[in-house]
Amino acid sequence: MQDLGRLLLGAGFLLCVLGAAVLLFGRIGVPLGRLPGDMNWRGKGWSVSFPLMTSILFSVVLSLLFYLFGRMRR
């Protein structure tokens, strides 16, 4: 049960850090969700957003972080 508690605390901390990073990027002018390659469609009373480039950017950054953390644990 202690392992589950540690996992939940770690995941919560990671979500807090990611949320703070998204807020910080918004304040310094990094247009997350509006990068070239992000697709947005708007019509009368509806809109669809598919942030493809933002998703790729997050994937690369998270992959790099997990790789570095994995290397540090060895």
PDB file of N, CA and C in Angstrom:
ATOM      1  N   MET A   1       0.810  -1.180   0.000  1.00  0.00           N
ATOM      2  CA  MET A   1       0.000   0.000   0.000  1.00  0.00           C
ATOM      3  C   MET A   1       0.866   1.262   0.000  1.00  0.00           C
ATOM      4  N   GLN A   2       2.046   1.185   0.601  1.00  0.00           N
ATOM      5  CA  GLN A   2       2.925   2.350   0.627  1.00  0.00           C
ATOM      6  C   GLN A   2       3.437   2.685  -0.770  1.00  0.00           C
ATOM      7  N   ASP A   3       3.660   1.673  -1.599  1.00  0.00           N
ATOM      8  CA  ASP A   3       4.116   1.933  -2.961  1.00  0.00           C
ATOM      9  C   ASP A   3       3.060   2.690  -3.750  1.00  0.00           C
ATOM     10  N   LEU A   4       1.795   2.310  -3.575  1.00  0.00           N
ATOM     11  CA  LEU A   4       0.711   3.005  -4.257  1.00  0.00           C
ATOM     12  C   LEU A   4       0.634   4.455  -3.799  1.00  0.00           C
ATOM     13  N   GLY A   5       0.800   4.688  -2.516  1.00  0.00           N
ATOM     14  CA  GLY A   5       0.786   6.049  -1.992  1.00  0.00           C
ATOM     15  C   GLY A   5       1.911   6.888  -2.572  1.00  0.00           C
ATOM     16  N   ARG A   6       3.096   6.323  -2.654  1.00  0.00           N
ATOM     17  CA  ARG A   6       4.227   7.046  -3.240  1.00  0.00           C
ATOM     18  C   ARG A   6       3.989   7.334  -4.711  1.00  0.00           C
ATOM     19  N   LEU A   7       3.423   6.370  -5.424  1.00  0.00           N
ATOM     20  CA  LEU A   7       3.131   6.563  -6.831  1.00  0.00           C
ATOM     21  C   LEU A   7       2.122   7.688  -7.026  1.00  0.00           C
ATOM     22  N   LEU A   8       1.076   7.715  -6.219  1.00  0.00           N
ATOM     23  CA  LEU A   8       0.073   8.772  -6.327  1.00  0.00           C
ATOM     24  C   LEU A   8       0.647  10.142  -5.972  1.00  0.00           C
ATOM     25  N   LEU A   9       1.486  10.202  -4.949  1.00  0.00           N
ATOM     26  CA  LEU A   9       2.126  11.471  -4.598  1.00  0.00           C
ATOM     27  C   LEU A   9       3.046  11.950  -5.715  1.00  0.00           C
ATOM     28  N   GLY A  10       3.808  11.046  -6.288  1.00  0.00           N
ATOM     29  CA  GLY A  10       4.699  11.405  -7.392  1.00  0.00           C
ATOM     30  C   GLY A  10       3.921  11.884  -8.609  1.00  0.00           C
ATOM     31  N   ALA A  11       2.839  11.183  -8.941  1.00  0.00           N
ATOM     32  CA  ALA A  11       2.019  11.588 -10.085  1.00  0.00           C
ATOM     33  C   ALA A  11       1.369  12.949  -9.823  1.00  0.00           C
ATOM     34  N   GLY A  12       0.911  13.182  -8.619  1.00  0.00           N
ATOM     35  CA  GLY A  12       0.319  14.475  -8.279  1.00  0.00           C
ATOM     36  C   GLY A  12       1.326  15.603  -8.356  1.00  0.00           C
ATOM     37  N   PHE A  13       2.531  15.339  -7.869  1.00  0.00           N
ATOM     38  CA  PHE A  13       3.589  16.346  -7.946  1.00  0.00           C
ATOM     39  C   PHE A  13       3.932  16.648  -9.397  1.00  0.00           C
ATOM     40  N   LEU A  14       4.020  15.603 -10.225  1.00  0.00           N
ATOM     41  CA  LEU A  14       4.328  15.786 -11.638  1.00  0.00           C
ATOM     42  C   LEU A  14       3.239  16.604 -12.333  1.00  0.00           C
ATOM     43  N   LEU A  15       1.972  16.338 -12.013  1.00  0.00           N
ATOM     44  CA  LEU A  15       0.889  17.117 -12.597  1.00  0.00           C
ATOM     45  C   LEU A  15       0.944  18.584 -12.160  1.00  0.00           C
ATOM     46  N   CYS A  16       1.307  18.826 -10.916  1.00  0.00           N
ATOM     47  CA  CYS A  16       1.444  20.206 -10.440  1.00  0.00           C
ATOM     48  C   CYS A  16       2.566  20.930 -11.180  1.00  0.00           C
ATOM     49  N   VAL A  17       3.679  20.257 -11.371  1.00  0.00           N
ATOM     50  CA  VAL A  17       4.806  20.858 -12.087  1.00  0.00           C
ATOM     51  C   VAL A  17       4.425  21.136 -13.538  1.00  0.00           C
ATOM     52  N   LEU A  18       3.745  20.186 -14.192  1.00  0.00           N
ATOM     53  CA  LEU A  18       3.335  20.395 -15.576  1.00  0.00           C
ATOM     54  C   LEU A  18       2.324  21.535 -15.688  1.00  0.00           C
ATOM     55  N   GLY A  19       1.394  21.617 -14.753  1.00  0.00           N
ATOM     56  CA  GLY A  19       0.432  22.718 -14.756  1.00  0.00           C
ATOM     57  C   GLY A  19       1.110  24.065 -14.578  1.00  0.00           C
ATOM     58  N   ALA A  20       2.066  24.135 -13.677  1.00  0.00           N
ATOM     59  CA  ALA A  20       2.811  25.382 -13.476  1.00  0.00           C
ATOM     60  C   ALA A  20       3.610  25.742 -14.727  1.00  0.00           C
ATOM     61  N   ALA A  21       4.180  24.749 -15.403  1.00  0.00           N
ATOM     62  CA  ALA A  21       4.938  25.014 -16.622  1.00  0.00           C
ATOM     63  C   ALA A  21       4.037  25.554 -17.731  1.00  0.00           C
ATOM     64  N   VAL A  22       2.848  24.984 -17.869  1.00  0.00           N
ATOM     65  CA  VAL A  22       1.908  25.469 -18.887  1.00  0.00           C
ATOM     66  C   VAL A  22       1.501  26.912 -18.581  1.00  0.00           C
ATOM     67  N   LEU A  23       1.226  27.225 -17.332  1.00  0.00           N
ATOM     68  CA  LEU A  23       0.887  28.596 -16.963  1.00  0.00           C
ATOM     69  C   LEU A  23       2.055  29.541 -17.219  1.00  0.00           C
ATOM     70  N   LEU A  24       3.255  29.111 -16.894  1.00  0.00           N
ATOM     71  CA  LEU A  24       4.441  29.936 -17.115  1.00  0.00           C
ATOM     72  C   LEU A  24       4.663  30.183 -18.597  1.00  0.00           C
ATOM     73  N   PHE A  25       4.523  29.133 -19.419  1.00  0.00           N
ATOM     74  CA  PHE A  25       4.699  29.295 -20.859  1.00  0.00           C
ATOM     75  C   PHE A  25       3.670  30.267 -21.422  1.00  0.00           C
ATOM     76  N   GLY A  26       2.452  30.236 -20.908  1.00  0.00           N
ATOM     77  CA  GLY A  26       1.423  31.170 -21.356  1.00  0.00           C
ATOM     78  C   GLY A  26       1.754  32.609 -21.008  1.00  0.00           C
ATOM     79  N   ARG A  27       2.357  32.812 -19.855  1.00  0.00           N
ATOM     80  CA  ARG A  27       2.698  34.175 -19.428  1.00  0.00           C
ATOM     81  C   ARG A  27       3.901  34.747 -20.160  1.00  0.00           C
ATOM     82  N   ILE A  28       4.846  33.888 -20.565  1.00  0.00           N
ATOM     83  CA  ILE A  28       6.031  34.412 -21.260  1.00  0.00           C
ATOM     84  C   ILE A  28       5.841  34.444 -22.768  1.00  0.00           C
ATOM     85  N   GLY A  29       4.667  34.005 -23.255  1.00  0.00           N
ATOM     86  CA  GLY A  29       4.358  34.179 -24.662  1.00  0.00           C
ATOM     87  C   GLY A  29       4.561  32.968 -25.547  1.00  0.00           C
ATOM     88  N   VAL A  30       4.806  31.785 -24.981  1.00  0.00           N
ATOM     89  CA  VAL A  30       4.907  30.576 -25.797  1.00  0.00           C
ATOM     90  C   VAL A  30       3.485  30.142 -26.137  1.00  0.00           C
ATOM     91  N   PRO A  31       3.131  30.124 -27.428  1.00  0.00           N
ATOM     92  CA  PRO A  31       1.730  29.892 -27.803  1.00  0.00           C
ATOM     93  C   PRO A  31       1.347  28.418 -27.849  1.00  0.00           C
ATOM     94  N   LEU A  32       1.345  27.729 -26.704  1.00  0.00           N
ATOM     95  CA  LEU A  32       0.954  26.329 -26.693  1.00  0.00           C
ATOM     96  C   LEU A  32      -0.495  26.210 -27.153  1.00  0.00           C
ATOM     97  N   GLY A  33      -0.745  25.300 -28.091  1.00  0.00           N
ATOM     98  CA  GLY A  33      -2.065  25.152 -28.670  1.00  0.00           C
ATOM     99  C   GLY A  33      -2.272  26.006 -29.898  1.00  0.00           C
ATOM    100  N   ARG A  34      -1.319  26.903 -30.167  1.00  0.00           N
ATOM    101  CA  ARG A  34      -1.396  27.765 -31.345  1.00  0.00           C
ATOM    102  C   ARG A  34      -0.096  27.734 -32.134  1.00  0.00           C
ATOM    103  N   LEU A  35       0.650  26.631 -32.020  1.00  0.00           N
ATOM    104  CA  LEU A  35       1.895  26.487 -32.759  1.00  0.00           C
ATOM    105  C   LEU A  35       1.605  26.167 -34.221  1.00  0.00           C
ATOM    106  N   PRO A  36       2.577  26.424 -35.130  1.00  0.00           N
ATOM    107  CA  PRO A  36       2.381  25.990 -36.512  1.00  0.00           C
ATOM    108  C   PRO A  36       2.219  24.470 -36.545  1.00  0.00           C
ATOM    109  N   GLY A  37       1.210  23.990 -37.205  1.00  0.00           N
ATOM    110  CA  GLY A  37       0.914  22.564 -37.222  1.00  0.00           C
ATOM    111  C   GLY A  37      -0.260  22.187 -36.351  1.00  0.00           C
ATOM    112  N   ASP A  38      -0.686  23.082 -35.471  1.00  0.00           N
ATOM    113  CA  ASP A  38      -1.905  22.876 -34.680  1.00  0.00           C
ATOM    114  C   ASP A  38      -3.098  23.251 -35.554  1.00  0.00           C
ATOM    115  N   MET A  39      -4.098  22.401 -35.574  1.00  0.00           N
ATOM    116  CA  MET A  39      -5.237  22.617 -36.468  1.00  0.00           C
ATOM    117  C   MET A  39      -6.457  23.073 -35.677  1.00  0.00           C
ATOM    118  N   ASN A  40      -7.103  24.109 -36.169  1.00  0.00           N
ATOM    119  CA  ASN A  40      -8.315  24.651 -35.555  1.00  0.00           C
ATOM    120  C   ASN A  40      -9.351  24.884 -36.638  1.00  0.00           C
ATOM    121  N   TRP A  41     -10.570  24.425 -36.385  1.00  0.00           N
ATOM    122  CA  TRP A  41     -11.683  24.674 -37.287  1.00  0.00           C
ATOM    123  C   TRP A  41     -12.779  25.365 -36.501  1.00  0.00           C
ATOM    124  N   ARG A  42     -13.352  26.398 -37.102  1.00  0.00           N
ATOM    125  CA  ARG A  42     -14.432  27.126 -36.436  1.00  0.00           C
ATOM    126  C   ARG A  42     -15.604  27.260 -37.396  1.00  0.00           C
ATOM    127  N   GLY A  43     -16.769  27.147 -36.835  1.00  0.00           N
ATOM    128  CA  GLY A  43     -17.994  27.349 -37.590  1.00  0.00           C
ATOM    129  C   GLY A  43     -18.961  28.163 -36.756  1.00  0.00           C
ATOM    130  N   LYS A  44     -20.178  28.239 -37.195  1.00  0.00           N
ATOM    131  CA  LYS A  44     -21.184  28.979 -36.433  1.00  0.00           C
ATOM    132  C   LYS A  44     -21.595  28.154 -35.213  1.00  0.00           C
ATOM    133  N   GLY A  45     -21.175  28.570 -34.061  1.00  0.00           N
ATOM    134  CA  GLY A  45     -21.556  27.910 -32.818  1.00  0.00           C
ATOM    135  C   GLY A  45     -20.731  26.692 -32.454  1.00  0.00           C
ATOM    136  N   TRP A  46     -19.646  26.396 -33.169  1.00  0.00           N
ATOM    137  CA  TRP A  46     -18.813  25.236 -32.829  1.00  0.00           C
ATOM    138  C   TRP A  46     -17.362  25.502 -33.207  1.00  0.00           C
ATOM    139  N   SER A  47     -16.475  24.792 -32.574  1.00  0.00           N
ATOM    140  CA  SER A  47     -15.059  24.854 -32.926  1.00  0.00           C
ATOM    141  C   SER A  47     -14.414  23.522 -32.559  1.00  0.00           C
ATOM    142  N   VAL A  48     -13.413  23.144 -33.332  1.00  0.00           N
ATOM    143  CA  VAL A  48     -12.669  21.909 -33.108  1.00  0.00           C
ATOM    144  C   VAL A  48     -11.199  22.267 -33.120  1.00  0.00           C
ATOM    145  N   SER A  49     -10.472  21.771 -32.152  1.00  0.00           N
ATOM    146  CA  SER A  49      -9.036  22.032 -32.072  1.00  0.00           C
ATOM    147  C   SER A  49      -8.293  20.713 -31.981  1.00  0.00           C
ATOM    148  N   PHE A  50      -7.256  20.567 -32.780  1.00  0.00           N
ATOM    149  CA  PHE A  50      -6.402  19.385 -32.746  1.00  0.00           C
ATOM    150  C   PHE A  50      -4.956  19.862 -32.669  1.00  0.00           C
ATOM    151  N   PRO A  51      -4.394  19.978 -31.452  1.00  0.00           N
ATOM    152  CA  PRO A  51      -3.049  20.536 -31.274  1.00  0.00           C
ATOM    153  C   PRO A  51      -1.952  19.509 -31.586  1.00  0.00           C
ATOM    154  N   LEU A  52      -1.771  19.199 -32.849  1.00  0.00           N
ATOM    155  CA  LEU A  52      -0.824  18.173 -33.268  1.00  0.00           C
ATOM    156  C   LEU A  52       0.613  18.529 -32.890  1.00  0.00           C
ATOM    157  N   MET A  53       1.072  19.711 -33.241  1.00  0.00           N
ATOM    158  CA  MET A  53       2.461  20.086 -32.972  1.00  0.00           C
ATOM    159  C   MET A  53       2.724  20.240 -31.476  1.00  0.00           C
ATOM    160  N   THR A  54       1.759  20.753 -30.737  1.00  0.00           N
ATOM    161  CA  THR A  54       1.908  20.858 -29.290  1.00  0.00           C
ATOM    162  C   THR A  54       2.022  19.464 -28.672  1.00  0.00           C
ATOM    163  N   SER A  55       1.241  18.505 -29.161  1.00  0.00           N
ATOM    164  CA  SER A  55       1.308  17.131 -28.661  1.00  0.00           C
ATOM    165  C   SER A  55       2.662  16.506 -28.959  1.00  0.00           C
ATOM    166  N   ILE A  56       3.185  16.740 -30.147  1.00  0.00           N
ATOM    167  CA  ILE A  56       4.502  16.213 -30.511  1.00  0.00           C
ATOM    168  C   ILE A  56       5.577  16.834 -29.629  1.00  0.00           C
ATOM    169  N   LEU A  57       5.472  18.141 -29.384  1.00  0.00           N
ATOM    170  CA  LEU A  57       6.444  18.818 -28.522  1.00  0.00           C
ATOM    171  C   LEU A  57       6.412  18.248 -27.110  1.00  0.00           C
ATOM    172  N   PHE A  58       5.213  18.059 -26.541  1.00  0.00           N
ATOM    173  CA  PHE A  58       5.102  17.463 -25.204  1.00  0.00           C
ATOM    174  C   PHE A  58       5.660  16.044 -25.187  1.00  0.00           C
ATOM    175  N   SER A  59       5.410  15.286 -26.229  1.00  0.00           N
ATOM    176  CA  SER A  59       5.902  13.914 -26.303  1.00  0.00           C
ATOM    177  C   SER A  59       7.424  13.868 -26.295  1.00  0.00           C
ATOM    178  N   VAL A  60       8.043  14.742 -27.066  1.00  0.00           N
ATOM    179  CA  VAL A  60       9.512  14.777 -27.116  1.00  0.00           C
ATOM    180  C   VAL A  60      10.089  15.189 -25.763  1.00  0.00           C
ATOM    181  N   VAL A  61       9.510  16.217 -25.151  1.00  0.00           N
ATOM    182  CA  VAL A  61      10.021  16.692 -23.855  1.00  0.00           C
ATOM    183  C   VAL A  61       9.847  15.626 -22.775  1.00  0.00           C
ATOM    184  N   LEU A  62       8.671  14.990 -22.724  1.00  0.00           N
ATOM    185  CA  LEU A  62       8.450  13.952 -21.716  1.00  0.00           C
ATOM    186  C   LEU A  62       9.335  12.732 -21.963  1.00  0.00           C
ATOM    187  N   SER A  63       9.548  12.358 -23.209  1.00  0.00           N
ATOM    188  CA  SER A  63      10.433  11.234 -23.514  1.00  0.00           C
ATOM    189  C   SER A  63      11.852  11.530 -23.049  1.00  0.00           C
ATOM    190  N   LEU A  64      12.306  12.756 -23.294  1.00  0.00           N
ATOM    191  CA  LEU A  64      13.636  13.155 -22.851  1.00  0.00           C
ATOM    192  C   LEU A  64      13.745  13.134 -21.329  1.00  0.00           C
ATOM    193  N   LEU A  65      12.715  13.642 -20.630  1.00  0.00           N
ATOM    194  CA  LEU A  65      12.743  13.631 -19.166  1.00  0.00           C
ATOM    195  C   LEU A  65      12.754  12.214 -18.610  1.00  0.00           C
ATOM    196  N   PHE A  66      11.901  11.332 -19.152  1.00  0.00           N
ATOM    197  CA  PHE A  66      11.876   9.955 -18.672  1.00  0.00           C
ATOM    198  C   PHE A  66      13.192   9.250 -18.963  1.00  0.00           C
ATOM    199  N   TYR A  67      13.806   9.541 -20.100  1.00  0.00           N
ATOM    200  CA  TYR A  67      15.109   8.953 -20.422  1.00  0.00           C
ATOM    201  C   TYR A  67      16.161   9.411 -19.408  1.00  0.00           C
ATOM    202  N   LEU A  68      16.180  10.711 -19.114  1.00  0.00           N
ATOM    203  CA  LEU A  68      17.168  11.234 -18.165  1.00  0.00           C
ATOM    204  C   LEU A  68      16.946  10.681 -16.766  1.00  0.00           C
ATOM    205  N   PHE A  69      15.683  10.601 -16.315  1.00  0.00           N
ATOM    206  CA  PHE A  69      15.406  10.034 -14.997  1.00  0.00           C
ATOM    207  C   PHE A  69      15.790   8.566 -14.943  1.00  0.00           C
ATOM    208  N   GLY A  70      15.559   7.846 -16.019  1.00  0.00           N
ATOM    209  CA  GLY A  70      15.955   6.435 -16.077  1.00  0.00           C
ATOM    210  C   GLY A  70      17.463   6.270 -15.998  1.00  0.00           C
ATOM    211  N   ARG A  71      18.207   7.157 -16.662  1.00  0.00           N
ATOM    212  CA  ARG A  71      19.662   7.092 -16.617  1.00  0.00           C
ATOM    213  C   ARG A  71      20.194   7.456 -15.228  1.00  0.00           C
ATOM    214  N   MET A  72      19.506   8.354 -14.535  1.00  0.00           N
ATOM    215  CA  MET A  72      19.965   8.769 -13.205  1.00  0.00           C
ATOM    216  C   MET A  72      19.733   7.664 -12.176  1.00  0.00           C
ATOM    217  N   ARG A  73      18.738   6.820 -12.385  1.00  0.00           N
ATOM    218  CA  ARG A  73      18.421   5.755 -11.426  1.00  0.00           C
ATOM    219  C   ARG A  73      19.390   4.593 -11.499  1.00  0.00           C
ATOM    220  N   ARG A  74      20.115   4.468 -12.609  1.00  0.00           N
ATOM    221  CA  ARG A  74      21.050   3.340 -12.768  1.00  0.00           C
ATOM    222  C   ARG A  74      22.335   3.570 -12.042  1.00  0.00           C
TER     223      ARG A  74
END
